[in-house]
Amino acid sequence: MPDVLVQSRRNARAAKRLMRKLLKRQGRSPRVMITDKLRSYDAAKREIMPGVEHRSHKGLNNRAENSHQPIRQREKIMKRFKSARHLQRFVSIHDPIANLFYIPRHDIPSAYHRQLRAEVLDSWRQIACLRAA
């Protein structure tokens, strides 16, 4: 899953920061890295992961770009944030909670969907009560 890191620029320094964050979470270096055609990714990869194959092509990154669509929708809403720091703070808290409430509707009967929603709401109430206490 693509990670979210809000940065004001898309230069080599920002790309290095993103790669370090992703590598720290992953724990090991990937075999192949697929990115869009932004040249700063290549510069950062050369320094941080010199042995990794880098594929930079418009079509190869489609799967990752499609998974960014919900993020792109939120970006339109989040234009009102005053700074990248405030946005990053919001996203880091919002994403785990939003994932808790997201239940895919593909091939699920309505009764089962309502049961899952009830379980999620019960979990949320328990979490909210623990944090309030």
N, C-alpha and C. Protein backbone atom coordinates (compact mmCIF):
# COMPACT_ATOMS: atom_id res chain seq x y z
N MET A 1 0.84 -1.18 0.00
CA MET A 1 0.00 0.00 0.00
C MET A 1 0.89 1.25 0.00
N PRO A 2 0.60 2.14 -0.87
CA PRO A 2 1.38 3.36 -0.87
C PRO A 2 1.23 4.13 0.43
N ASP A 3 2.31 4.73 0.84
CA ASP A 3 2.31 5.47 2.08
C ASP A 3 2.02 6.93 1.81
N VAL A 4 1.56 7.65 2.82
CA VAL A 4 1.24 9.06 2.69
C VAL A 4 2.27 9.86 3.46
N LEU A 5 2.94 10.76 2.77
CA LEU A 5 3.87 11.67 3.40
C LEU A 5 3.69 13.01 2.70
N VAL A 6 3.19 13.98 3.44
CA VAL A 6 2.91 15.28 2.87
C VAL A 6 4.19 16.11 2.86
N GLN A 7 4.56 16.61 1.69
CA GLN A 7 5.76 17.43 1.56
C GLN A 7 5.45 18.58 0.61
N SER A 8 6.11 19.69 0.85
CA SER A 8 5.83 20.87 0.05
C SER A 8 6.48 20.81 -1.33
N ARG A 9 7.54 19.99 -1.50
CA ARG A 9 8.24 19.92 -2.78
C ARG A 9 8.39 18.47 -3.23
N ARG A 10 8.60 18.31 -4.53
CA ARG A 10 8.84 16.98 -5.08
C ARG A 10 10.25 16.94 -5.66
N ASN A 11 11.25 17.17 -4.82
CA ASN A 11 12.64 17.16 -5.28
C ASN A 11 13.36 15.93 -4.73
N ALA A 12 14.66 15.82 -4.99
CA ALA A 12 15.43 14.65 -4.57
C ALA A 12 15.43 14.51 -3.05
N ARG A 13 15.51 15.61 -2.34
CA ARG A 13 15.51 15.56 -0.87
C ARG A 13 14.20 14.96 -0.34
N ALA A 14 13.08 15.40 -0.93
CA ALA A 14 11.78 14.86 -0.53
C ALA A 14 11.67 13.38 -0.90
N ALA A 15 12.20 13.00 -2.06
CA ALA A 15 12.17 11.59 -2.49
C ALA A 15 13.00 10.72 -1.55
N LYS A 16 14.16 11.22 -1.13
CA LYS A 16 15.00 10.47 -0.17
C LYS A 16 14.27 10.25 1.14
N ARG A 17 13.60 11.29 1.60
CA ARG A 17 12.86 11.21 2.85
C ARG A 17 11.75 10.15 2.75
N LEU A 18 11.02 10.16 1.63
CA LEU A 18 9.97 9.16 1.42
C LEU A 18 10.54 7.76 1.36
N MET A 19 11.64 7.57 0.63
CA MET A 19 12.25 6.24 0.51
C MET A 19 12.75 5.73 1.85
N ARG A 20 13.37 6.59 2.64
CA ARG A 20 13.84 6.16 3.96
C ARG A 20 12.67 5.71 4.83
N LYS A 21 11.58 6.46 4.78
CA LYS A 21 10.39 6.10 5.57
C LYS A 21 9.83 4.76 5.12
N LEU A 22 9.73 4.55 3.80
CA LEU A 22 9.21 3.30 3.28
C LEU A 22 10.12 2.13 3.60
N LEU A 23 11.44 2.32 3.49
CA LEU A 23 12.39 1.25 3.80
C LEU A 23 12.36 0.88 5.28
N LYS A 24 12.23 1.89 6.13
CA LYS A 24 12.18 1.62 7.56
C LYS A 24 10.96 0.76 7.90
N ARG A 25 9.84 1.07 7.28
CA ARG A 25 8.62 0.31 7.54
C ARG A 25 8.70 -1.09 6.92
N GLN A 26 9.30 -1.19 5.73
CA GLN A 26 9.38 -2.46 5.02
C GLN A 26 10.37 -3.41 5.67
N GLY A 27 11.49 -2.88 6.15
CA GLY A 27 12.47 -3.72 6.81
C GLY A 27 13.55 -4.27 5.89
N ARG A 28 13.29 -4.31 4.60
CA ARG A 28 14.31 -4.80 3.66
C ARG A 28 14.15 -4.06 2.33
N SER A 29 15.18 -4.13 1.54
CA SER A 29 15.19 -3.42 0.27
C SER A 29 14.37 -4.18 -0.77
N PRO A 30 13.61 -3.49 -1.62
CA PRO A 30 12.81 -4.19 -2.64
C PRO A 30 13.69 -4.67 -3.79
N ARG A 31 13.17 -5.62 -4.56
CA ARG A 31 13.89 -6.12 -5.73
C ARG A 31 13.79 -5.13 -6.88
N VAL A 32 12.58 -4.56 -7.08
CA VAL A 32 12.33 -3.61 -8.16
C VAL A 32 11.54 -2.43 -7.60
N MET A 33 11.87 -1.24 -8.07
CA MET A 33 11.14 -0.05 -7.65
C MET A 33 10.48 0.56 -8.90
N ILE A 34 9.16 0.75 -8.83
CA ILE A 34 8.41 1.32 -9.95
C ILE A 34 7.89 2.68 -9.53
N THR A 35 8.22 3.70 -10.32
CA THR A 35 7.76 5.06 -10.01
C THR A 35 7.25 5.71 -11.28
N ASP A 36 6.69 6.91 -11.11
CA ASP A 36 6.35 7.69 -12.29
C ASP A 36 7.64 8.29 -12.86
N LYS A 37 7.54 9.17 -13.83
CA LYS A 37 8.73 9.66 -14.52
C LYS A 37 9.43 10.83 -13.83
N LEU A 38 9.07 11.12 -12.61
CA LEU A 38 9.72 12.20 -11.88
C LEU A 38 11.18 11.83 -11.64
N ARG A 39 12.11 12.66 -12.11
CA ARG A 39 13.53 12.33 -12.08
C ARG A 39 14.11 12.34 -10.66
N SER A 40 13.47 12.99 -9.74
CA SER A 40 14.01 13.04 -8.38
C SER A 40 14.01 11.66 -7.73
N TYR A 41 13.09 10.76 -8.12
CA TYR A 41 13.10 9.40 -7.59
C TYR A 41 14.37 8.67 -7.99
N ASP A 42 14.80 8.88 -9.23
CA ASP A 42 16.01 8.23 -9.72
C ASP A 42 17.23 8.72 -8.95
N ALA A 43 17.31 10.02 -8.71
CA ALA A 43 18.44 10.59 -7.97
C ALA A 43 18.48 10.05 -6.54
N ALA A 44 17.33 9.95 -5.89
CA ALA A 44 17.26 9.45 -4.52
C ALA A 44 17.59 7.95 -4.47
N LYS A 45 17.09 7.20 -5.44
CA LYS A 45 17.34 5.76 -5.47
C LYS A 45 18.82 5.46 -5.65
N ARG A 46 19.50 6.24 -6.50
CA ARG A 46 20.93 6.05 -6.73
C ARG A 46 21.71 6.16 -5.42
N GLU A 47 21.29 7.05 -4.55
CA GLU A 47 22.02 7.27 -3.31
C GLU A 47 21.62 6.28 -2.21
N ILE A 48 20.32 6.00 -2.09
CA ILE A 48 19.84 5.17 -0.98
C ILE A 48 19.85 3.68 -1.30
N MET A 49 19.41 3.32 -2.52
CA MET A 49 19.30 1.91 -2.91
C MET A 49 19.99 1.68 -4.25
N PRO A 50 21.32 1.70 -4.31
CA PRO A 50 21.99 1.60 -5.61
C PRO A 50 21.82 0.26 -6.31
N GLY A 51 21.58 -0.82 -5.58
CA GLY A 51 21.47 -2.14 -6.20
C GLY A 51 20.08 -2.50 -6.67
N VAL A 52 19.10 -1.65 -6.45
CA VAL A 52 17.71 -1.96 -6.78
C VAL A 52 17.42 -1.50 -8.21
N GLU A 53 16.72 -2.38 -8.96
CA GLU A 53 16.32 -2.02 -10.32
C GLU A 53 15.21 -0.97 -10.25
N HIS A 54 15.32 0.05 -11.08
CA HIS A 54 14.34 1.15 -11.09
C HIS A 54 13.64 1.19 -12.44
N ARG A 55 12.33 1.02 -12.42
CA ARG A 55 11.54 1.11 -13.65
C ARG A 55 10.71 2.39 -13.57
N SER A 56 10.95 3.26 -14.51
CA SER A 56 10.26 4.54 -14.55
C SER A 56 9.49 4.62 -15.86
N HIS A 57 8.18 4.36 -15.80
CA HIS A 57 7.38 4.29 -17.01
C HIS A 57 5.97 4.74 -16.68
N LYS A 58 5.33 5.36 -17.64
CA LYS A 58 3.99 5.90 -17.42
C LYS A 58 2.99 4.81 -17.05
N GLY A 59 3.03 3.68 -17.71
CA GLY A 59 2.02 2.65 -17.51
C GLY A 59 2.28 1.69 -16.36
N LEU A 60 3.55 1.50 -15.99
CA LEU A 60 3.87 0.51 -14.96
C LEU A 60 3.36 0.90 -13.58
N ASN A 61 3.17 2.18 -13.34
CA ASN A 61 2.79 2.66 -12.02
C ASN A 61 1.27 2.76 -11.84
N ASN A 62 0.50 2.27 -12.80
CA ASN A 62 -0.95 2.45 -12.75
C ASN A 62 -1.58 1.89 -11.49
N ARG A 63 -1.13 0.73 -11.05
CA ARG A 63 -1.74 0.11 -9.87
C ARG A 63 -1.55 1.00 -8.64
N ALA A 64 -0.36 1.52 -8.45
CA ALA A 64 -0.09 2.40 -7.32
C ALA A 64 -0.86 3.70 -7.44
N GLU A 65 -0.91 4.24 -8.64
CA GLU A 65 -1.62 5.50 -8.83
C GLU A 65 -3.12 5.32 -8.58
N ASN A 66 -3.67 4.19 -8.98
CA ASN A 66 -5.09 3.94 -8.73
C ASN A 66 -5.37 3.83 -7.24
N SER A 67 -4.43 3.26 -6.49
CA SER A 67 -4.65 3.15 -5.06
C SER A 67 -4.56 4.51 -4.38
N HIS A 68 -4.00 5.50 -5.07
CA HIS A 68 -3.93 6.86 -4.53
C HIS A 68 -5.23 7.64 -4.70
N GLN A 69 -6.18 7.10 -5.44
CA GLN A 69 -7.38 7.87 -5.74
C GLN A 69 -8.11 8.40 -4.51
N PRO A 70 -8.32 7.60 -3.44
CA PRO A 70 -8.96 8.18 -2.25
C PRO A 70 -8.15 9.32 -1.65
N ILE A 71 -6.82 9.22 -1.73
CA ILE A 71 -5.96 10.28 -1.21
C ILE A 71 -6.15 11.54 -2.04
N ARG A 72 -6.23 11.37 -3.36
CA ARG A 72 -6.43 12.52 -4.24
C ARG A 72 -7.77 13.20 -3.93
N GLN A 73 -8.80 12.42 -3.66
CA GLN A 73 -10.10 13.00 -3.32
C GLN A 73 -10.00 13.79 -2.02
N ARG A 74 -9.27 13.25 -1.04
CA ARG A 74 -9.12 13.97 0.22
C ARG A 74 -8.29 15.22 0.05
N GLU A 75 -7.32 15.18 -0.88
CA GLU A 75 -6.50 16.37 -1.11
C GLU A 75 -7.35 17.56 -1.51
N LYS A 76 -8.38 17.32 -2.34
CA LYS A 76 -9.26 18.40 -2.75
C LYS A 76 -9.94 19.01 -1.54
N ILE A 77 -10.37 18.17 -0.60
CA ILE A 77 -11.03 18.64 0.60
C ILE A 77 -10.05 19.36 1.52
N MET A 78 -8.81 18.87 1.55
CA MET A 78 -7.84 19.37 2.52
C MET A 78 -7.10 20.63 2.08
N LYS A 79 -7.48 21.22 0.99
CA LYS A 79 -6.79 22.43 0.54
C LYS A 79 -6.89 23.55 1.56
N ARG A 80 -7.84 23.45 2.48
CA ARG A 80 -8.02 24.51 3.47
C ARG A 80 -6.99 24.45 4.61
N PHE A 81 -6.15 23.40 4.68
CA PHE A 81 -5.15 23.32 5.74
C PHE A 81 -4.10 24.41 5.56
N LYS A 82 -3.66 24.98 6.66
CA LYS A 82 -2.74 26.11 6.61
C LYS A 82 -1.30 25.69 6.26
N SER A 83 -0.91 24.47 6.66
CA SER A 83 0.46 24.04 6.39
C SER A 83 0.51 22.54 6.19
N ALA A 84 1.62 22.08 5.64
CA ALA A 84 1.82 20.64 5.43
C ALA A 84 1.89 19.91 6.77
N ARG A 85 2.40 20.58 7.80
CA ARG A 85 2.49 19.95 9.12
C ARG A 85 1.11 19.64 9.69
N HIS A 86 0.17 20.60 9.55
CA HIS A 86 -1.19 20.35 10.03
C HIS A 86 -1.85 19.23 9.24
N LEU A 87 -1.64 19.24 7.93
CA LEU A 87 -2.21 18.19 7.09
C LEU A 87 -1.63 16.83 7.46
N GLN A 88 -0.31 16.75 7.67
CA GLN A 88 0.32 15.47 8.03
C GLN A 88 -0.21 14.96 9.35
N ARG A 89 -0.39 15.86 10.31
CA ARG A 89 -0.92 15.46 11.61
C ARG A 89 -2.33 14.90 11.48
N PHE A 90 -3.16 15.55 10.66
CA PHE A 90 -4.52 15.08 10.44
C PHE A 90 -4.53 13.72 9.74
N VAL A 91 -3.73 13.57 8.68
CA VAL A 91 -3.72 12.33 7.91
C VAL A 91 -3.23 11.16 8.77
N SER A 92 -2.22 11.38 9.60
CA SER A 92 -1.68 10.30 10.42
C SER A 92 -2.70 9.78 11.43
N ILE A 93 -3.60 10.63 11.86
CA ILE A 93 -4.66 10.22 12.80
C ILE A 93 -5.87 9.70 12.04
N HIS A 94 -6.19 10.34 10.93
CA HIS A 94 -7.41 10.02 10.18
C HIS A 94 -7.35 8.64 9.52
N ASP A 95 -6.23 8.27 8.92
CA ASP A 95 -6.15 7.04 8.14
C ASP A 95 -6.47 5.77 8.94
N PRO A 96 -5.88 5.55 10.12
CA PRO A 96 -6.22 4.32 10.85
C PRO A 96 -7.70 4.26 11.24
N ILE A 97 -8.28 5.40 11.58
CA ILE A 97 -9.68 5.42 11.95
C ILE A 97 -10.56 5.19 10.74
N ALA A 98 -10.22 5.82 9.61
CA ALA A 98 -10.99 5.63 8.38
C ALA A 98 -10.95 4.18 7.93
N ASN A 99 -9.78 3.53 8.07
CA ASN A 99 -9.67 2.12 7.69
C ASN A 99 -10.54 1.23 8.57
N LEU A 100 -10.72 1.61 9.82
CA LEU A 100 -11.57 0.84 10.72
C LEU A 100 -13.01 0.84 10.22
N PHE A 101 -13.46 1.99 9.70
CA PHE A 101 -14.85 2.12 9.28
C PHE A 101 -15.10 1.70 7.84
N TYR A 102 -14.06 1.44 7.06
CA TYR A 102 -14.25 1.06 5.66
C TYR A 102 -14.57 -0.42 5.56
N ILE A 103 -15.76 -0.73 5.09
CA ILE A 103 -16.17 -2.11 4.87
C ILE A 103 -16.58 -2.22 3.40
N PRO A 104 -15.86 -3.00 2.60
CA PRO A 104 -16.21 -3.11 1.19
C PRO A 104 -17.57 -3.79 1.00
N ARG A 105 -18.35 -3.31 0.04
CA ARG A 105 -19.70 -3.81 -0.19
C ARG A 105 -19.77 -4.89 -1.26
N HIS A 106 -18.66 -5.30 -1.81
CA HIS A 106 -18.69 -6.27 -2.90
C HIS A 106 -19.15 -7.64 -2.40
N ASP A 107 -20.26 -8.08 -2.92
CA ASP A 107 -20.77 -9.44 -2.67
C ASP A 107 -21.09 -9.71 -1.20
N ILE A 108 -21.52 -8.71 -0.44
CA ILE A 108 -21.88 -8.91 0.96
C ILE A 108 -23.37 -8.64 1.10
N PRO A 109 -24.12 -9.57 1.69
CA PRO A 109 -25.55 -9.30 1.92
C PRO A 109 -25.74 -8.14 2.90
N SER A 110 -26.84 -7.44 2.77
CA SER A 110 -27.10 -6.26 3.59
C SER A 110 -27.09 -6.58 5.09
N ALA A 111 -27.67 -7.70 5.47
CA ALA A 111 -27.73 -8.06 6.89
C ALA A 111 -26.32 -8.24 7.46
N TYR A 112 -25.45 -8.89 6.69
CA TYR A 112 -24.08 -9.09 7.15
C TYR A 112 -23.33 -7.76 7.21
N HIS A 113 -23.59 -6.89 6.25
CA HIS A 113 -22.96 -5.57 6.26
C HIS A 113 -23.38 -4.78 7.49
N ARG A 114 -24.65 -4.82 7.83
CA ARG A 114 -25.13 -4.13 9.04
C ARG A 114 -24.50 -4.70 10.29
N GLN A 115 -24.32 -6.02 10.33
CA GLN A 115 -23.67 -6.67 11.48
C GLN A 115 -22.22 -6.19 11.61
N LEU A 116 -21.50 -6.14 10.48
CA LEU A 116 -20.11 -5.67 10.50
C LEU A 116 -20.04 -4.21 10.96
N ARG A 117 -20.96 -3.37 10.47
CA ARG A 117 -20.99 -1.97 10.89
C ARG A 117 -21.22 -1.85 12.39
N ALA A 118 -22.12 -2.67 12.93
CA ALA A 118 -22.40 -2.64 14.37
C ALA A 118 -21.15 -3.02 15.17
N GLU A 119 -20.42 -4.04 14.69
CA GLU A 119 -19.19 -4.45 15.38
C GLU A 119 -18.13 -3.35 15.34
N VAL A 120 -18.00 -2.68 14.21
CA VAL A 120 -17.05 -1.58 14.08
C VAL A 120 -17.42 -0.45 15.03
N LEU A 121 -18.71 -0.11 15.09
CA LEU A 121 -19.14 0.97 15.98
C LEU A 121 -18.91 0.61 17.45
N ASP A 122 -19.14 -0.65 17.81
CA ASP A 122 -18.85 -1.09 19.18
C ASP A 122 -17.37 -0.96 19.49
N SER A 123 -16.51 -1.38 18.53
CA SER A 123 -15.06 -1.23 18.72
C SER A 123 -14.68 0.23 18.90
N TRP A 124 -15.27 1.09 18.07
CA TRP A 124 -14.96 2.51 18.15
C TRP A 124 -15.40 3.09 19.50
N ARG A 125 -16.56 2.69 19.97
CA ARG A 125 -17.04 3.18 21.27
C ARG A 125 -16.09 2.75 22.39
N GLN A 126 -15.58 1.52 22.33
CA GLN A 126 -14.64 1.04 23.34
C GLN A 126 -13.34 1.85 23.29
N ILE A 127 -12.84 2.09 22.07
CA ILE A 127 -11.62 2.89 21.93
C ILE A 127 -11.82 4.31 22.43
N ALA A 128 -12.94 4.92 22.05
CA ALA A 128 -13.22 6.29 22.45
C ALA A 128 -13.37 6.42 23.98
N CYS A 129 -13.99 5.43 24.59
CA CYS A 129 -14.15 5.45 26.06
C CYS A 129 -12.81 5.30 26.76
N LEU A 130 -11.94 4.43 26.22
CA LEU A 130 -10.63 4.24 26.83
C LEU A 130 -9.80 5.50 26.76
N ARG A 131 -9.87 6.20 25.64
CA ARG A 131 -9.06 7.42 25.46
C ARG A 131 -9.63 8.56 26.28
N ALA A 132 -10.93 8.59 26.50
CA ALA A 132 -11.55 9.68 27.27
C ALA A 132 -11.26 9.53 28.76
N ALA A 133 -11.08 8.30 29.20
CA ALA A 133 -10.86 8.05 30.63
C ALA A 133 -9.49 8.43 31.11
